[in-house]
């Protein structure tokens, strides 16, 4: 996993995420949404 890629993607997506799905953005659950 690329930590910088995760952080950039997480920060870009966090405003659109529902609070009930916020755990999807944790590093171990993250999948690159741009891929």
N, C-alpha and C. Protein backbone atom coordinates (compact mmCIF):
# COMPACT_ATOMS: atom_id res chain seq x y z
N UNK A 1 0.84 -1.18 0.00
CA UNK A 1 0.00 0.00 0.00
C UNK A 1 0.88 1.24 0.00
N UNK A 2 0.47 2.20 -0.76
CA UNK A 2 1.17 3.48 -0.84
C UNK A 2 0.53 4.44 0.16
N UNK A 3 1.23 4.77 1.26
CA UNK A 3 0.63 5.64 2.28
C UNK A 3 0.22 7.01 1.75
N UNK A 4 1.03 7.58 0.87
CA UNK A 4 0.70 8.89 0.32
C UNK A 4 -0.53 8.80 -0.59
N UNK A 5 -0.62 7.73 -1.36
CA UNK A 5 -1.79 7.52 -2.21
C UNK A 5 -3.05 7.32 -1.40
N UNK A 6 -2.93 6.55 -0.31
CA UNK A 6 -4.08 6.32 0.58
C UNK A 6 -4.55 7.64 1.18
N UNK A 7 -3.60 8.42 1.70
CA UNK A 7 -3.96 9.68 2.34
C UNK A 7 -4.62 10.65 1.36
N UNK A 8 -4.05 10.77 0.18
CA UNK A 8 -4.62 11.67 -0.83
C UNK A 8 -6.03 11.23 -1.23
N UNK A 9 -6.22 9.94 -1.44
CA UNK A 9 -7.54 9.43 -1.84
C UNK A 9 -8.54 9.56 -0.70
N UNK A 10 -8.10 9.24 0.51
CA UNK A 10 -8.98 9.32 1.67
C UNK A 10 -9.45 10.76 1.89
N UNK A 11 -8.54 11.71 1.79
CA UNK A 11 -8.92 13.11 1.98
C UNK A 11 -9.84 13.61 0.87
N UNK A 12 -9.66 13.10 -0.33
CA UNK A 12 -10.52 13.50 -1.45
C UNK A 12 -11.93 12.92 -1.30
N UNK A 13 -12.04 11.73 -0.70
CA UNK A 13 -13.32 11.03 -0.63
C UNK A 13 -14.09 11.27 0.67
N UNK A 14 -13.43 11.70 1.71
CA UNK A 14 -14.05 11.72 3.04
C UNK A 14 -15.28 12.63 3.12
N UNK A 15 -15.31 13.70 2.36
CA UNK A 15 -16.46 14.61 2.45
C UNK A 15 -17.72 14.01 1.85
N UNK A 16 -17.57 13.06 0.92
CA UNK A 16 -18.73 12.44 0.27
C UNK A 16 -19.17 11.15 0.94
N UNK A 17 -18.43 10.68 1.94
CA UNK A 17 -18.74 9.40 2.56
C UNK A 17 -19.81 9.55 3.63
N UNK A 18 -20.68 8.55 3.69
CA UNK A 18 -21.66 8.50 4.77
C UNK A 18 -20.94 8.07 6.05
N UNK A 19 -21.37 8.59 7.16
CA UNK A 19 -20.72 8.29 8.44
C UNK A 19 -20.77 6.80 8.76
N UNK A 20 -21.77 6.11 8.27
CA UNK A 20 -21.88 4.67 8.55
C UNK A 20 -20.89 3.84 7.75
N UNK A 21 -20.28 4.43 6.73
CA UNK A 21 -19.32 3.70 5.89
C UNK A 21 -17.90 4.25 6.03
N UNK A 22 -17.67 5.09 7.02
CA UNK A 22 -16.38 5.75 7.17
C UNK A 22 -15.24 4.75 7.40
N UNK A 23 -15.56 3.56 7.94
CA UNK A 23 -14.52 2.55 8.16
C UNK A 23 -13.96 2.01 6.85
N UNK A 24 -14.64 2.23 5.73
CA UNK A 24 -14.11 1.84 4.42
C UNK A 24 -12.84 2.60 4.09
N UNK A 25 -12.64 3.75 4.70
CA UNK A 25 -11.48 4.58 4.40
C UNK A 25 -10.26 4.26 5.26
N UNK A 26 -10.40 3.34 6.20
CA UNK A 26 -9.25 2.93 6.99
C UNK A 26 -8.24 2.24 6.09
N UNK A 27 -6.95 2.35 6.41
CA UNK A 27 -5.92 1.80 5.51
C UNK A 27 -6.11 0.34 5.16
N UNK A 28 -6.54 -0.49 6.11
CA UNK A 28 -6.68 -1.92 5.84
C UNK A 28 -7.96 -2.26 5.08
N UNK A 29 -8.87 -1.33 4.92
CA UNK A 29 -10.10 -1.54 4.14
C UNK A 29 -10.08 -0.77 2.82
N UNK A 30 -9.08 0.07 2.64
CA UNK A 30 -9.02 0.98 1.50
C UNK A 30 -8.74 0.24 0.20
N UNK A 31 -9.46 0.61 -0.83
CA UNK A 31 -9.12 0.19 -2.19
C UNK A 31 -9.06 1.47 -3.01
N UNK A 32 -8.10 1.55 -3.87
CA UNK A 32 -7.89 2.78 -4.63
C UNK A 32 -9.09 3.05 -5.52
N UNK A 33 -9.82 4.10 -5.23
CA UNK A 33 -11.03 4.43 -5.99
C UNK A 33 -10.71 4.93 -7.39
N UNK A 34 -9.50 5.39 -7.59
CA UNK A 34 -9.10 5.89 -8.91
C UNK A 34 -8.69 4.76 -9.84
N UNK A 35 -8.48 3.57 -9.30
CA UNK A 35 -8.01 2.44 -10.13
C UNK A 35 -9.14 1.86 -10.96
